[in-house]
Amino acid sequence: MTSYERQRRPVPLLKKRLPSGQGSTVQPNVTSDGDTPLTVRFWVLVALVGVVSGVVGSALMKLLFAVEHLAFGVGSDGQGFTAAVERASGWERATPVLIAGVIGGVGWYLLRRFTPGMSSEADAVLWAGTDRLSFRRSAGTSVLSEVVIGLGASLGREAAPKLMGAVAGGLIGEWARLTDPQRRLLIACGGGAGLAAVYNVPLGAALFTAEVLIGSVTLTTVMPAVGCSAVAAAVAWVFLSDEPIYPGVVDHAVDGRLLVWAVIGGPVIGVLAALYIRVIGWISFHQARGAWVIVAMPVVFAGLAGLAVVYPQLYGNGRSIAHDAFLGLGSLGVLAALAVLKPVVTALCLGAGASGGLFTPVLCTGAAIGAVGGVLFGHLWPGSPMGAYAMIGAAAMIGAAMQAPLAGLVLVVELTHSGLPIMVPMIIATVLATAVTRRIDGYSIYSARIAGQAPVDPVLSRPSGGDPR
């Protein structure tokens, strides 16, 4: 028997080989399902997790939009958040985020005080494989996260849907008495499906599941991930929008300028991504704990309110920063300031004890850096639009920061419904940035936040466990 003659599992329906006599197992990704057999029953559960993730993700977005409407008069679909913040003046702009500091500080203190030892970190549970996600703690932190973000906190809105999708996968897997590997795959699919639902990115979310949450882009991982994310996105269309998150972004023609800038900018963004990740990791370990959260969060959010007097774009997840950069809007000075300030205020919000995502804050930072770098490069070699540089910068930064170049590239394309003509420079910059970040450090924005030996929680007088928050 040659090395090609591996045993096929499951056994194919057609037993007879092709006339060539070659076995199907020559192609290594069709040989076996491994320890996660893709049975009909498992596929039904994958679809069920997709439905639940789509519904829960939509509900969390509706909660976010309702809070934004009450706080700033934003429309019911969440569009025009920054414009609404800009219209608010004085205390009308500051009051919501000050309230967020009080709600978040008290809310997270009580939640963590009365759910000791319970986990609400999907990444930690997936990678350690020794814990269970707590529904109570996960639901509480998800609701609090969306409320404070709706009031202006500088955090990503995707963390809560991702977490609750993972919770759905875990609960359904336990109910169905799946094996541990199957349950782990279902948790990961649920996490990716939550992302797919709220950002309408089924393919990018599936790659996020495979590259980041599972760490294996194989047939038996990608198929359930794609299926689950597609179901979640379709379900979310009923409640949310099927439009891209960043509408109106035009395709840009590729040229030599973009290729050269990708070669130069990619490594630079890789260094900046490594620095960003280090800051996130350091602040996650040293963030406020116990009763200190009640004090730290209002203080930090008050500082955010002060900065927002000049830069209202700092409120929320940074969607408007990225959108303006993609559209080629904004001055060089404003974009440069936002590229520096957005990571700072996001890190401080985490340091104050808040829970939230980093996807859009990192993406918008990359877009701003790309736009600024492109404008400066344009003085030497003019001709290419700012928006093209912003697209390249966003893909490079998020790919490097997640340590997932495939997911980063596809997510930027799906979020904007554009970018294919400049895919080659986007790939060059993303690969270079990811390689540089990996060589410098190796952490991602997700692994950097997971605690190893966590410090002692002064309220509980015990290690705070696997949840770094």
Protein backbone atom coordinates (compact mmCIF):
# COMPACT_ATOMS: atom_id res chain seq x y z
CA MET A 1 0.00 0.00 0.00
CA THR A 2 1.42 3.38 -1.02
CA SER A 3 1.30 6.48 1.18
CA TYR A 4 -1.68 7.58 -0.90
CA GLU A 5 -3.78 4.57 0.11
CA ARG A 6 -5.21 6.00 3.30
CA GLN A 7 -8.52 4.75 4.62
CA ARG A 8 -11.39 7.03 3.62
CA ARG A 9 -13.78 8.04 6.41
CA PRO A 10 -16.68 8.29 5.85
CA VAL A 11 -16.70 5.60 3.19
CA PRO A 12 -17.86 7.15 -0.14
CA LEU A 13 -21.17 6.06 -1.64
CA LEU A 14 -19.50 5.28 -4.96
CA LYS A 15 -17.15 2.38 -4.25
CA LYS A 16 -15.71 1.94 -7.72
CA ARG A 17 -12.63 3.96 -8.57
CA LEU A 18 -12.24 6.11 -11.63
CA PRO A 19 -10.67 4.45 -14.70
CA SER A 20 -7.26 5.84 -13.71
CA GLY A 21 -7.29 3.57 -10.67
CA GLN A 22 -6.13 6.42 -8.46
CA GLY A 23 -7.71 6.65 -5.00
CA SER A 24 -9.51 9.76 -3.78
CA THR A 25 -7.25 9.92 -0.72
CA VAL A 26 -4.41 11.31 -2.82
CA GLN A 27 -6.00 14.65 -1.98
CA PRO A 28 -5.30 14.88 1.77
CA ASN A 29 -8.28 17.01 2.76
CA VAL A 30 -10.82 14.33 1.74
CA THR A 31 -9.33 11.41 3.65
CA SER A 32 -11.11 11.66 6.98
CA ASP A 33 -13.32 13.79 9.21
CA GLY A 34 -10.87 13.14 12.03
CA ASP A 35 -12.35 13.53 15.50
CA THR A 36 -15.25 15.72 14.29
CA PRO A 37 -17.42 13.46 12.09
CA LEU A 38 -19.74 15.55 9.93
CA THR A 39 -22.84 13.45 10.32
CA VAL A 40 -26.33 14.49 9.22
CA ARG A 41 -27.18 15.11 12.87
CA PHE A 42 -24.16 17.39 13.27
CA TRP A 43 -25.14 19.40 10.18
CA VAL A 44 -28.63 19.93 11.64
CA LEU A 45 -27.02 21.27 14.82
CA VAL A 46 -24.74 23.55 12.77
CA ALA A 47 -27.81 25.05 11.09
CA LEU A 48 -29.55 25.42 14.46
CA VAL A 49 -26.55 27.27 15.91
CA GLY A 50 -26.56 29.53 12.85
CA VAL A 51 -30.24 30.39 13.37
CA VAL A 52 -29.78 31.10 17.08
CA SER A 53 -26.64 33.16 16.46
CA GLY A 54 -28.44 35.20 13.81
CA VAL A 55 -31.40 35.91 16.09
CA VAL A 56 -29.31 36.71 19.17
CA GLY A 57 -26.85 38.83 17.18
CA SER A 58 -29.75 40.79 15.68
CA ALA A 59 -31.31 41.29 19.12
CA LEU A 60 -28.04 42.65 20.50
CA MET A 61 -27.74 45.06 17.57
CA LYS A 62 -31.31 46.22 18.11
CA LEU A 63 -30.43 46.90 21.74
CA LEU A 64 -27.36 48.86 20.63
CA PHE A 65 -29.39 50.91 18.13
CA ALA A 66 -32.07 51.63 20.75
CA VAL A 67 -29.44 52.94 23.18
CA GLU A 68 -27.83 55.06 20.44
CA HIS A 69 -31.25 56.49 19.58
CA LEU A 70 -32.02 57.38 23.20
CA ALA A 71 -28.57 58.84 23.79
CA PHE A 72 -27.92 60.77 20.58
CA GLY A 73 -31.02 60.54 18.39
CA VAL A 74 -29.44 58.07 15.96
CA GLY A 75 -31.78 56.38 13.50
CA SER A 76 -33.30 53.00 14.29
CA ASP A 77 -30.82 51.29 11.95
CA GLY A 78 -27.74 52.70 13.68
CA GLN A 79 -26.72 54.78 10.64
CA GLY A 80 -25.26 58.23 11.19
CA PHE A 81 -23.90 57.68 14.70
CA THR A 82 -20.99 60.10 14.44
CA ALA A 83 -23.11 62.72 12.66
CA ALA A 84 -25.59 62.56 15.54
CA VAL A 85 -22.77 62.90 18.07
CA GLU A 86 -21.41 65.91 16.18
CA ARG A 87 -24.84 67.58 16.28
CA ALA A 88 -24.94 67.20 20.05
CA SER A 89 -23.16 69.97 21.91
CA GLY A 90 -21.74 70.44 25.38
CA TRP A 91 -23.37 68.29 28.02
CA GLU A 92 -25.62 66.63 25.42
CA ARG A 93 -22.51 65.01 23.96
CA ALA A 94 -20.76 64.27 27.26
CA THR A 95 -23.67 63.07 29.41
CA PRO A 96 -24.30 59.69 27.67
CA VAL A 97 -20.72 58.50 28.00
CA LEU A 98 -20.59 59.72 31.62
CA ILE A 99 -23.69 57.65 32.29
CA ALA A 100 -22.00 54.74 30.52
CA GLY A 101 -19.12 54.98 32.99
CA VAL A 102 -21.48 54.65 35.95
CA ILE A 103 -23.60 51.87 34.41
CA GLY A 104 -20.56 49.94 33.24
CA GLY A 105 -18.59 50.36 36.45
CA VAL A 106 -21.39 49.28 38.76
CA GLY A 107 -22.75 46.67 36.35
CA TRP A 108 -19.49 44.83 35.75
CA TYR A 109 -18.52 45.01 39.40
CA LEU A 110 -21.78 43.33 40.44
CA LEU A 111 -21.70 40.83 37.56
CA ARG A 112 -18.19 39.67 38.38
CA ARG A 113 -18.86 39.78 42.11
CA PHE A 114 -21.78 37.36 41.83
CA THR A 115 -20.41 35.10 39.08
CA PRO A 116 -17.01 34.14 40.52
CA GLY A 117 -15.04 31.56 38.58
CA MET A 118 -17.45 31.63 35.64
CA SER A 119 -16.04 32.17 32.16
CA SER A 120 -17.20 34.62 29.50
CA GLU A 121 -14.18 34.36 27.20
CA ALA A 122 -14.91 32.23 24.12
CA ASP A 123 -11.31 32.37 22.94
CA ALA A 124 -9.96 31.09 26.24
CA VAL A 125 -12.49 28.26 26.38
CA LEU A 126 -11.75 27.18 22.81
CA TRP A 127 -7.99 27.28 23.10
CA ALA A 128 -7.70 25.85 26.61
CA GLY A 129 -10.49 23.31 26.07
CA THR A 130 -11.00 22.82 29.80
CA ASP A 131 -13.85 25.16 30.73
CA ARG A 132 -17.45 25.98 29.90
CA LEU A 133 -18.90 29.33 28.96
CA SER A 134 -21.27 30.63 31.61
CA PHE A 135 -24.60 31.70 30.11
CA ARG A 136 -25.32 34.05 33.02
CA ARG A 137 -21.99 35.83 32.92
CA SER A 138 -21.82 35.88 29.12
CA ALA A 139 -25.33 37.29 28.73
CA GLY A 140 -24.71 39.91 31.39
CA THR A 141 -21.43 41.09 29.94
CA SER A 142 -22.88 41.10 26.39
CA VAL A 143 -25.80 43.33 27.36
CA LEU A 144 -23.57 45.67 29.37
CA SER A 145 -21.10 45.84 26.49
CA GLU A 146 -23.69 46.89 23.92
CA VAL A 147 -25.24 49.42 26.30
CA VAL A 148 -21.98 51.24 27.09
CA ILE A 149 -20.89 51.14 23.43
CA GLY A 150 -24.25 52.61 22.42
CA LEU A 151 -23.61 55.39 24.94
CA GLY A 152 -20.22 56.12 23.37
CA ALA A 153 -17.59 53.76 24.81
CA SER A 154 -14.66 53.23 22.44
CA LEU A 155 -14.99 49.46 21.92
CA GLY A 156 -16.07 47.06 19.20
CA ARG A 157 -19.69 45.95 19.04
CA GLU A 158 -18.95 42.46 17.65
CA ALA A 159 -17.64 40.91 20.88
CA ALA A 160 -21.11 40.35 22.37
CA PRO A 161 -22.67 38.60 19.32
CA LYS A 162 -19.51 36.52 18.94
CA LEU A 163 -19.64 35.52 22.60
CA MET A 164 -23.35 34.66 22.61
CA GLY A 165 -23.00 32.71 19.35
CA ALA A 166 -20.27 30.67 21.02
CA VAL A 167 -22.49 30.18 24.07
CA ALA A 168 -25.26 28.92 21.78
CA GLY A 169 -22.85 26.45 20.19
CA GLY A 170 -21.73 25.21 23.59
CA LEU A 171 -25.23 24.79 25.01
CA ILE A 172 -26.57 23.06 21.90
CA GLY A 173 -23.50 20.82 21.80
CA GLU A 174 -24.02 19.80 25.43
CA TRP A 175 -27.75 19.25 24.91
CA ALA A 176 -26.99 17.01 21.92
CA ARG A 177 -24.26 15.21 23.91
CA LEU A 178 -21.64 15.76 21.26
CA THR A 179 -18.06 14.70 21.76
CA ASP A 180 -15.68 17.35 23.07
CA PRO A 181 -14.07 17.96 19.63
CA GLN A 182 -17.49 18.29 17.98
CA ARG A 183 -18.71 20.64 20.71
CA ARG A 184 -15.55 22.73 20.35
CA LEU A 185 -16.13 23.04 16.61
CA LEU A 186 -19.76 24.01 17.22
CA ILE A 187 -18.68 26.70 19.73
CA ALA A 188 -16.24 28.13 17.19
CA CYS A 189 -18.88 28.06 14.43
CA GLY A 190 -21.27 29.90 16.73
CA GLY A 191 -18.68 32.55 17.51
CA GLY A 192 -17.99 33.16 13.83
CA ALA A 193 -21.71 33.13 13.05
CA GLY A 194 -22.28 35.93 15.55
CA LEU A 195 -19.73 38.03 13.67
CA ALA A 196 -21.34 37.12 10.34
CA ALA A 197 -24.79 38.15 11.56
CA VAL A 198 -23.96 41.65 12.76
CA TYR A 199 -21.50 42.60 10.01
CA ASN A 200 -23.02 40.68 7.07
CA VAL A 201 -19.70 38.93 6.36
CA PRO A 202 -20.46 35.19 6.01
CA LEU A 203 -17.27 34.22 4.19
CA GLY A 204 -14.95 36.40 6.25
CA ALA A 205 -16.56 35.16 9.46
CA ALA A 206 -16.12 31.55 8.36
CA LEU A 207 -12.43 32.18 7.73
CA PHE A 208 -12.25 33.91 11.12
CA THR A 209 -13.67 30.72 12.64
CA ALA A 210 -11.11 28.55 10.87
CA GLU A 211 -8.01 30.76 11.08
CA VAL A 212 -8.48 32.35 14.51
CA LEU A 213 -10.85 30.27 16.62
CA ILE A 214 -9.85 26.79 15.42
CA GLY A 215 -6.50 27.47 13.78
CA SER A 216 -7.06 24.98 10.98
CA VAL A 217 -8.23 25.76 7.45
CA THR A 218 -9.28 22.22 6.55
CA LEU A 219 -12.34 20.86 4.77
CA THR A 220 -13.94 19.56 7.96
CA THR A 221 -13.50 22.95 9.63
CA VAL A 222 -14.33 25.26 6.75
CA MET A 223 -17.53 23.51 5.62
CA PRO A 224 -19.38 23.80 8.98
CA ALA A 225 -17.97 27.30 9.50
CA VAL A 226 -19.21 28.53 6.11
CA GLY A 227 -22.60 26.87 6.56
CA CYS A 228 -23.17 28.24 10.05
CA SER A 229 -22.07 31.78 9.12
CA ALA A 230 -24.22 31.79 5.99
CA VAL A 231 -27.32 30.74 7.96
CA ALA A 232 -26.66 33.39 10.61
CA ALA A 233 -26.18 36.14 8.01
CA ALA A 234 -29.37 35.14 6.17
CA VAL A 235 -31.36 35.13 9.43
CA ALA A 236 -29.97 38.56 10.33
CA TRP A 237 -31.18 39.97 7.00
CA VAL A 238 -34.73 39.61 8.34
CA PHE A 239 -33.99 41.95 11.25
CA LEU A 240 -31.05 44.05 10.09
CA SER A 241 -29.80 45.10 6.66
CA ASP A 242 -28.31 43.12 3.81
CA GLU A 243 -26.27 46.16 2.76
CA PRO A 244 -22.51 46.43 3.33
CA ILE A 245 -21.39 47.98 6.62
CA TYR A 246 -19.40 50.58 4.63
CA PRO A 247 -21.62 51.58 1.69
CA GLY A 248 -20.56 53.73 -1.23
CA VAL A 249 -16.92 52.60 -1.32
CA VAL A 250 -15.82 52.56 -4.95
CA ASP A 251 -13.37 50.21 -6.60
CA HIS A 252 -9.93 51.66 -7.29
CA ALA A 253 -7.70 50.78 -10.21
CA VAL A 254 -4.43 49.08 -9.35
CA ASP A 255 -1.18 50.77 -10.33
CA GLY A 256 2.52 50.77 -9.54
CA ARG A 257 2.14 53.36 -6.80
CA LEU A 258 -0.07 51.08 -4.72
CA LEU A 259 2.25 48.11 -5.22
CA VAL A 260 5.28 50.08 -4.07
CA TRP A 261 3.42 51.54 -1.11
CA ALA A 262 2.23 48.06 -0.10
CA VAL A 263 5.84 46.87 0.04
CA ILE A 264 6.82 49.88 2.15
CA GLY A 265 3.68 50.23 4.26
CA GLY A 266 3.12 46.55 5.04
CA PRO A 267 6.16 46.10 7.31
CA VAL A 268 5.54 49.46 8.99
CA ILE A 269 1.95 48.49 9.79
CA GLY A 270 3.25 45.13 11.04
CA VAL A 271 5.46 46.92 13.58
CA LEU A 272 2.58 49.18 14.65
CA ALA A 273 0.25 46.18 14.97
CA ALA A 274 2.75 44.43 17.24
CA LEU A 275 2.95 47.56 19.40
CA TYR A 276 -0.86 47.83 19.52
CA ILE A 277 -1.14 44.18 20.57
CA ARG A 278 1.48 44.65 23.31
CA VAL A 279 -0.44 47.62 24.71
CA ILE A 280 -3.67 45.63 24.69
CA GLY A 281 -2.00 42.69 26.42
CA TRP A 282 -0.39 44.88 29.07
CA ILE A 283 -3.54 46.85 29.82
CA SER A 284 -5.67 43.68 29.95
CA PHE A 285 -3.42 42.25 32.66
CA HIS A 286 -3.32 45.48 34.67
CA GLN A 287 -6.94 46.55 34.16
CA ALA A 288 -9.12 47.64 37.06
CA ARG A 289 -10.58 44.82 39.13
CA GLY A 290 -12.99 44.51 41.99
CA ALA A 291 -14.42 47.74 43.39
CA TRP A 292 -11.83 49.76 41.48
CA VAL A 293 -13.96 49.30 38.36
CA ILE A 294 -16.64 51.53 39.90
CA VAL A 295 -14.08 54.34 40.13
CA ALA A 296 -11.92 53.73 37.08
CA MET A 297 -14.65 53.47 34.46
CA PRO A 298 -16.34 56.83 35.13
CA VAL A 299 -12.92 58.53 35.23
CA VAL A 300 -11.76 57.03 31.92
CA PHE A 301 -15.10 57.64 30.22
CA ALA A 302 -15.00 61.26 31.42
CA GLY A 303 -11.62 61.60 29.70
CA LEU A 304 -13.13 60.14 26.53
CA ALA A 305 -15.92 62.70 26.74
CA GLY A 306 -13.34 65.47 27.00
CA LEU A 307 -11.47 64.29 23.90
CA ALA A 308 -14.75 63.92 22.01
CA VAL A 309 -15.31 67.66 22.29
CA VAL A 310 -12.69 67.97 19.55
CA TYR A 311 -12.84 64.48 18.02
CA PRO A 312 -16.41 63.08 18.22
CA GLN A 313 -15.30 60.21 15.96
CA LEU A 314 -13.69 58.63 19.05
CA TYR A 315 -17.12 57.63 20.36
CA GLY A 316 -18.26 54.11 19.51
CA ASN A 317 -16.35 51.44 17.65
CA GLY A 318 -14.69 53.71 15.06
CA ARG A 319 -16.87 52.79 12.12
CA SER A 320 -17.05 56.38 10.88
CA ILE A 321 -13.25 56.74 10.98
CA ALA A 322 -12.83 53.78 8.65
CA HIS A 323 -15.72 54.82 6.42
CA ASP A 324 -14.40 58.35 5.94
CA ALA A 325 -10.93 57.00 5.14
CA PHE A 326 -12.36 54.52 2.61
CA LEU A 327 -14.31 57.35 0.96
CA GLY A 328 -11.24 59.59 0.89
CA LEU A 329 -12.74 62.12 3.33
CA GLY A 330 -11.07 63.93 6.19
CA SER A 331 -7.96 66.04 6.51
CA LEU A 332 -4.46 64.69 7.06
CA GLY A 333 -4.27 66.23 10.53
CA VAL A 334 -7.57 64.78 11.74
CA LEU A 335 -6.82 61.30 10.39
CA ALA A 336 -3.36 61.35 11.95
CA ALA A 337 -4.79 62.39 15.31
CA LEU A 338 -7.46 59.69 15.16
CA ALA A 339 -4.87 57.06 14.21
CA VAL A 340 -3.09 57.82 17.49
CA LEU A 341 -6.01 58.60 19.79
CA LYS A 342 -8.36 55.74 18.85
CA PRO A 343 -6.01 52.96 20.05
CA VAL A 344 -5.29 54.96 23.21
CA VAL A 345 -8.92 55.49 24.24
CA THR A 346 -9.82 51.91 23.30
CA ALA A 347 -7.02 50.56 25.48
CA LEU A 348 -8.06 52.84 28.34
CA CYS A 349 -11.67 51.65 28.13
CA LEU A 350 -10.43 48.07 28.44
CA GLY A 351 -8.10 49.09 31.24
CA ALA A 352 -11.01 50.60 33.15
CA GLY A 353 -12.64 47.15 33.23
CA ALA A 354 -15.04 47.37 30.29
CA SER A 355 -15.62 44.42 27.97
CA GLY A 356 -15.93 44.81 24.24
CA GLY A 357 -14.48 43.98 20.87
CA LEU A 358 -11.36 45.18 19.12
CA PHE A 359 -12.15 44.31 15.52
CA THR A 360 -13.47 47.67 14.27
CA PRO A 361 -11.19 49.80 16.50
CA VAL A 362 -8.19 48.00 14.98
CA LEU A 363 -9.64 48.10 11.46
CA CYS A 364 -10.31 51.84 11.61
CA THR A 365 -6.82 52.48 12.97
CA GLY A 366 -5.36 50.62 10.00
CA ALA A 367 -7.58 52.59 7.61
CA ALA A 368 -6.49 55.90 9.15
CA ILE A 369 -2.81 54.90 9.06
CA GLY A 370 -3.17 53.79 5.44
CA ALA A 371 -4.86 57.05 4.49
CA VAL A 372 -2.21 59.18 6.21
CA GLY A 373 0.61 57.13 4.74
CA GLY A 374 -0.97 57.31 1.32
CA VAL A 375 -1.32 61.08 1.42
CA LEU A 376 2.32 61.48 2.44
CA PHE A 377 3.45 59.00 -0.20
CA GLY A 378 1.35 60.89 -2.72
CA HIS A 379 3.59 63.93 -2.29
CA LEU A 380 6.43 61.82 -3.68
CA TRP A 381 4.42 59.92 -6.27
CA PRO A 382 0.97 61.45 -6.75
CA GLY A 383 -1.98 59.89 -8.50
CA SER A 384 -3.62 57.21 -6.37
CA PRO A 385 -6.66 58.11 -4.22
CA MET A 386 -6.59 58.15 -0.42
CA GLY A 387 -9.34 55.54 -0.25
CA ALA A 388 -7.18 52.91 -1.94
CA TYR A 389 -4.40 53.40 0.59
CA ALA A 390 -6.95 53.20 3.41
CA MET A 391 -8.26 49.86 2.13
CA ILE A 392 -4.75 48.45 1.98
CA GLY A 393 -3.93 49.76 5.46
CA ALA A 394 -7.12 48.36 6.97
CA ALA A 395 -6.54 44.87 5.54
CA ALA A 396 -2.90 44.86 6.63
CA MET A 397 -3.63 46.04 10.16
CA ILE A 398 -6.54 43.71 10.89
CA GLY A 399 -4.84 40.73 9.25
CA ALA A 400 -1.66 41.30 11.27
CA ALA A 401 -3.48 42.07 14.52
CA MET A 402 -5.66 38.94 14.25
CA GLN A 403 -2.75 36.89 12.86
CA ALA A 404 -5.22 35.80 10.21
CA PRO A 405 -4.36 37.25 6.78
CA LEU A 406 -7.01 35.35 4.81
CA ALA A 407 -9.80 36.42 7.15
CA GLY A 408 -8.51 39.99 7.24
CA LEU A 409 -8.50 40.33 3.46
CA VAL A 410 -11.92 38.79 2.92
CA LEU A 411 -13.51 40.76 5.77
CA VAL A 412 -12.40 44.09 4.27
CA VAL A 413 -13.81 43.10 0.88
CA GLU A 414 -17.13 41.94 2.36
CA LEU A 415 -17.48 44.97 4.63
CA THR A 416 -17.08 47.35 1.70
CA HIS A 417 -18.26 45.23 -1.27
CA SER A 418 -15.18 46.53 -3.07
CA GLY A 419 -11.42 46.09 -3.22
CA LEU A 420 -11.02 43.26 -5.71
CA PRO A 421 -9.11 45.38 -8.31
CA ILE A 422 -6.48 46.28 -5.69
CA MET A 423 -6.36 42.81 -4.16
CA VAL A 424 -2.71 42.24 -5.12
CA PRO A 425 -1.34 45.24 -3.16
CA MET A 426 -3.74 44.39 -0.32
CA ILE A 427 -2.33 40.86 -0.22
CA ILE A 428 1.27 42.06 -0.35
CA ALA A 429 0.76 44.54 2.50
CA THR A 430 -1.24 42.07 4.60
CA VAL A 431 1.24 39.22 4.22
CA LEU A 432 4.19 41.46 5.02
CA ALA A 433 2.43 43.05 7.99
CA THR A 434 1.34 39.68 9.39
CA ALA A 435 4.80 38.19 8.94
CA VAL A 436 6.48 41.15 10.66
CA THR A 437 4.03 41.08 13.58
CA ARG A 438 4.49 37.33 13.93
CA ARG A 439 8.27 37.66 13.86
CA ILE A 440 8.36 40.49 16.39
CA ASP A 441 5.97 38.98 18.91
CA GLY A 442 3.45 36.37 17.79
CA TYR A 443 0.49 37.44 19.92
CA SER A 444 -2.81 38.53 18.41
CA ILE A 445 -5.41 40.96 19.77
CA TYR A 446 -7.24 37.87 21.04
CA SER A 447 -4.45 35.81 22.58
CA ALA A 448 -2.92 38.92 24.19
CA ARG A 449 -6.04 39.42 26.33
CA ILE A 450 -6.22 35.92 27.78
CA ALA A 451 -4.86 35.58 31.29
CA GLY A 452 -2.41 32.87 32.27
CA GLN A 453 -1.76 33.27 35.96
CA ALA A 454 -4.24 36.01 36.66
CA PRO A 455 -3.72 38.46 39.52
CA VAL A 456 -5.72 38.03 42.71
CA ASP A 457 -9.10 39.74 42.67
CA PRO A 458 -9.21 41.94 45.78
CA VAL A 459 -12.96 41.49 46.14
CA LEU A 460 -13.01 37.71 45.90
CA SER A 461 -9.58 37.12 47.53
CA ARG A 462 -8.89 34.48 44.92
CA PRO A 463 -7.39 34.24 41.41
CA SER A 464 -9.80 35.71 38.90
CA GLY A 465 -9.40 32.62 36.72
CA GLY A 466 -9.47 32.39 32.94
CA ASP A 467 -11.39 35.61 32.40
CA PRO A 468 -8.93 38.52 32.20
CA ARG A 469 -11.74 40.96 32.82
